[in-house]
Amino acid sequence: MNETAQAPLTRRNTASSRRSPTPWWVWTLAAIGGVGLVAFVTVIGVITVPPAIANLQTHVATATEPLVLGPESAPVIVTVPEGWLITRPDDSHARIVTPDRGLIVDASLSAADAAQAATDAGVAAPMVETLASGLTVAHGSPSGSSEGAAAGPDLVAVVGPVAGGSVVFVASSGDLERYRAAMASLVEGVQP
């Protein structure tokens, strides 16, 4: 090889050997940035993962698929209005929400009869009526609650007798008067 071809190669080797090590403050900034990134990803995960898991358990009610509470040996069937959201944490509980999320109803099974289950849920003197289906509904506001209060439920409605006792509906809404017809539809949806 001639001298001209070796000259650029020699200059490159000389330039790379003259580089000074990276200053300490660059490594400190990189470490702080890495820790900040890990903290950011952790916070985002803590905020987004729990609701995403809850949404996996939620489905939209249809006219062809009723809500079934209880074990397969003694199921209780509730027809939920179409379009409402149903979240099932287990076989004997469900959270039912209107499409506008203005009414939230927690449904569960109770071994007691309707009047006793309503009393157990906090209704001091439940009003007892007979539904068109022949089932009994005991309902009222829980003691110490007022409509629209954020502290507790606005209405308790218990329907029975059904397999194993009764179905307890505990409703919360900022404007319960607006959702009375929707609540009545849900209560009437309990099948004997």
Protein backbone atom coordinates (compact mmCIF):
# COMPACT_ATOMS: atom_id res chain seq x y z
CA MET A 1 0.00 0.00 0.00
CA ASN A 2 1.08 3.49 -0.63
CA GLU A 3 1.41 6.28 1.93
CA THR A 4 -1.67 8.16 0.73
CA ALA A 5 -3.99 5.21 1.38
CA GLN A 6 -2.56 4.71 4.86
CA ALA A 7 -2.86 8.37 5.91
CA PRO A 8 -6.70 8.52 6.43
CA LEU A 9 -6.61 5.24 8.29
CA THR A 10 -3.93 6.53 10.63
CA ARG A 11 -5.83 9.79 11.26
CA ARG A 12 -9.00 7.88 12.22
CA ASN A 13 -7.13 5.68 14.68
CA THR A 14 -5.43 8.72 16.21
CA ALA A 15 -8.78 10.61 16.56
CA SER A 16 -10.56 7.74 18.29
CA SER A 17 -7.71 7.18 20.72
CA ARG A 18 -7.82 10.86 21.74
CA ARG A 19 -11.49 10.75 22.92
CA SER A 20 -11.86 11.55 26.56
CA PRO A 21 -14.11 9.40 28.76
CA THR A 22 -17.73 10.53 29.11
CA PRO A 23 -18.08 13.05 31.96
CA TRP A 24 -19.71 11.82 35.23
CA TRP A 25 -22.59 14.27 34.94
CA VAL A 26 -23.73 12.70 31.64
CA TRP A 27 -23.98 9.30 33.33
CA THR A 28 -25.83 10.89 36.29
CA LEU A 29 -28.35 12.55 33.96
CA ALA A 30 -28.83 9.29 32.06
CA ALA A 31 -29.45 7.41 35.34
CA ILE A 32 -31.95 10.03 36.54
CA GLY A 33 -33.71 9.88 33.16
CA GLY A 34 -33.88 6.07 33.34
CA VAL A 35 -35.28 6.12 36.89
CA GLY A 36 -37.81 8.78 35.85
CA LEU A 37 -38.91 6.68 32.88
CA VAL A 38 -39.37 3.60 35.06
CA ALA A 39 -41.38 5.66 37.60
CA PHE A 40 -43.56 7.11 34.82
CA VAL A 41 -44.31 3.69 33.33
CA THR A 42 -45.11 2.34 36.83
CA VAL A 43 -47.57 5.16 37.57
CA ILE A 44 -49.28 4.74 34.20
CA GLY A 45 -49.56 1.00 34.83
CA VAL A 46 -51.06 1.50 38.29
CA ILE A 47 -53.62 3.92 36.86
CA THR A 48 -54.62 2.00 33.74
CA VAL A 49 -54.34 -1.70 34.60
CA PRO A 50 -57.07 -2.05 37.30
CA PRO A 51 -59.82 -0.41 35.18
CA ALA A 52 -58.71 -2.47 32.18
CA ILE A 53 -59.05 -5.68 34.20
CA ALA A 54 -62.52 -4.60 35.40
CA ASN A 55 -63.53 -3.88 31.80
CA LEU A 56 -62.56 -7.42 30.84
CA GLN A 57 -65.25 -8.68 33.25
CA THR A 58 -67.90 -6.26 31.92
CA HIS A 59 -70.29 -7.03 29.10
CA VAL A 60 -73.27 -5.28 27.54
CA ALA A 61 -76.70 -6.75 28.27
CA THR A 62 -78.66 -8.12 25.33
CA ALA A 63 -82.26 -9.21 25.01
CA THR A 64 -81.19 -12.81 24.39
CA GLU A 65 -78.80 -13.24 27.30
CA PRO A 66 -80.26 -12.65 30.80
CA LEU A 67 -78.19 -12.19 33.94
CA VAL A 68 -77.91 -15.44 35.89
CA LEU A 69 -77.12 -15.17 39.60
CA GLY A 70 -76.32 -18.09 41.85
CA PRO A 71 -75.08 -21.61 41.29
CA GLU A 72 -76.12 -23.72 38.29
CA SER A 73 -78.17 -25.95 40.60
CA ALA A 74 -80.42 -23.03 41.70
CA PRO A 75 -80.02 -20.14 39.26
CA VAL A 76 -81.91 -16.86 39.51
CA ILE A 77 -82.59 -15.22 36.16
CA VAL A 78 -82.80 -11.44 35.84
CA THR A 79 -83.65 -9.79 32.54
CA VAL A 80 -81.51 -6.67 32.32
CA PRO A 81 -82.59 -3.91 29.91
CA GLU A 82 -80.66 -4.03 26.67
CA GLY A 83 -77.55 -1.88 26.51
CA TRP A 84 -76.89 -1.83 30.26
CA LEU A 85 -73.41 -2.81 31.47
CA ILE A 86 -72.99 -5.89 33.65
CA THR A 87 -69.86 -6.64 35.67
CA ARG A 88 -69.68 -10.04 37.38
CA PRO A 89 -67.06 -10.43 40.13
CA ASP A 90 -68.53 -13.85 41.03
CA ASP A 91 -71.62 -16.05 40.55
CA SER A 92 -73.77 -14.44 43.24
CA HIS A 93 -72.96 -10.75 42.69
CA ALA A 94 -73.23 -8.33 39.79
CA ARG A 95 -72.92 -4.61 39.21
CA ILE A 96 -75.45 -3.31 36.71
CA VAL A 97 -74.99 0.17 35.25
CA THR A 98 -77.18 2.20 32.89
CA PRO A 99 -75.55 3.17 29.57
CA ASP A 100 -75.17 6.79 30.73
CA ARG A 101 -73.70 5.58 34.05
CA GLY A 102 -76.29 7.60 35.96
CA LEU A 103 -77.64 4.61 37.89
CA ILE A 104 -75.45 1.96 39.50
CA VAL A 105 -77.14 -1.13 40.92
CA ASP A 106 -75.38 -3.82 42.90
CA ALA A 107 -77.27 -7.12 42.72
CA SER A 108 -76.67 -10.01 45.09
CA LEU A 109 -78.43 -13.02 46.51
CA SER A 110 -79.74 -13.29 50.05
CA ALA A 111 -80.97 -16.39 51.86
CA ALA A 112 -83.64 -14.31 53.68
CA ASP A 113 -87.11 -13.49 52.41
CA ALA A 114 -87.67 -10.12 50.69
CA ALA A 115 -88.83 -8.10 53.73
CA GLN A 116 -86.09 -9.45 56.00
CA ALA A 117 -83.38 -8.93 53.34
CA ALA A 118 -84.53 -5.31 52.87
CA THR A 119 -84.33 -4.77 56.62
CA ASP A 120 -80.88 -6.39 56.67
CA ALA A 121 -79.82 -3.96 53.91
CA GLY A 122 -80.73 -0.99 56.10
CA VAL A 123 -84.35 -0.19 55.18
CA ALA A 124 -86.11 0.56 58.49
CA ALA A 125 -89.67 -0.01 57.28
CA PRO A 126 -89.71 -1.52 53.79
CA MET A 127 -92.76 -1.07 51.59
CA VAL A 128 -93.91 -4.52 50.42
CA GLU A 129 -95.73 -4.95 47.11
CA THR A 130 -96.61 -7.77 44.73
CA LEU A 131 -95.22 -7.63 41.20
CA ALA A 132 -97.08 -8.69 38.05
CA SER A 133 -94.98 -11.87 38.06
CA GLY A 134 -96.40 -12.81 41.47
CA LEU A 135 -93.10 -12.16 43.24
CA THR A 136 -92.88 -9.84 46.23
CA VAL A 137 -90.73 -6.70 46.29
CA ALA A 138 -89.73 -4.98 49.51
CA HIS A 139 -88.19 -1.58 48.91
CA GLY A 140 -87.27 1.73 50.46
CA SER A 141 -84.43 4.10 51.23
CA PRO A 142 -81.83 2.86 53.66
CA SER A 143 -81.88 4.57 57.04
CA GLY A 144 -79.67 7.62 57.11
CA SER A 145 -79.49 8.06 53.35
CA SER A 146 -80.94 10.85 51.29
CA GLU A 147 -81.38 10.85 47.54
CA GLY A 148 -78.25 11.93 45.74
CA ALA A 149 -76.02 11.47 48.77
CA ALA A 150 -72.62 10.15 47.85
CA ALA A 151 -72.17 8.38 51.19
CA GLY A 152 -74.46 5.42 50.56
CA PRO A 153 -77.17 3.83 48.46
CA ASP A 154 -80.34 5.71 47.54
CA LEU A 155 -82.68 2.75 47.20
CA VAL A 156 -82.85 -0.89 48.19
CA ALA A 157 -85.27 -3.22 46.40
CA VAL A 158 -85.44 -6.90 47.28
CA VAL A 159 -87.37 -9.38 45.12
CA GLY A 160 -88.41 -12.85 46.23
CA PRO A 161 -89.05 -15.62 46.73
CA VAL A 162 -86.57 -16.99 44.22
CA ALA A 163 -84.30 -20.03 44.32
CA GLY A 164 -82.38 -19.82 47.56
CA GLY A 165 -84.09 -16.71 48.98
CA SER A 166 -84.25 -13.32 47.29
CA VAL A 167 -82.40 -10.92 44.99
CA VAL A 168 -81.15 -7.71 46.61
CA PHE A 169 -80.77 -4.61 44.41
CA VAL A 170 -78.89 -1.70 45.99
CA ALA A 171 -79.13 1.40 43.79
CA SER A 172 -77.05 4.57 43.82
CA SER A 173 -77.74 7.58 41.64
CA GLY A 174 -77.24 11.31 41.72
CA ASP A 175 -80.81 11.71 40.44
CA LEU A 176 -82.84 8.66 41.47
CA GLU A 177 -86.18 10.21 40.45
CA ARG A 178 -84.97 10.21 36.84
CA TYR A 179 -84.17 6.47 37.02
CA ARG A 180 -87.24 5.13 38.87
CA ALA A 181 -88.71 3.64 35.67
CA ALA A 182 -85.36 2.00 34.83
CA MET A 183 -85.15 0.57 38.35
CA ALA A 184 -88.72 -0.73 38.09
CA SER A 185 -87.83 -2.41 34.79
CA LEU A 186 -84.89 -4.15 36.44
CA VAL A 187 -86.99 -5.30 39.42
CA GLU A 188 -89.72 -6.60 37.10
CA GLY A 189 -87.01 -8.50 35.20
CA VAL A 190 -86.53 -11.01 38.04
CA GLN A 191 -88.05 -14.29 36.90
CA PRO A 192 -89.73 -16.62 39.40
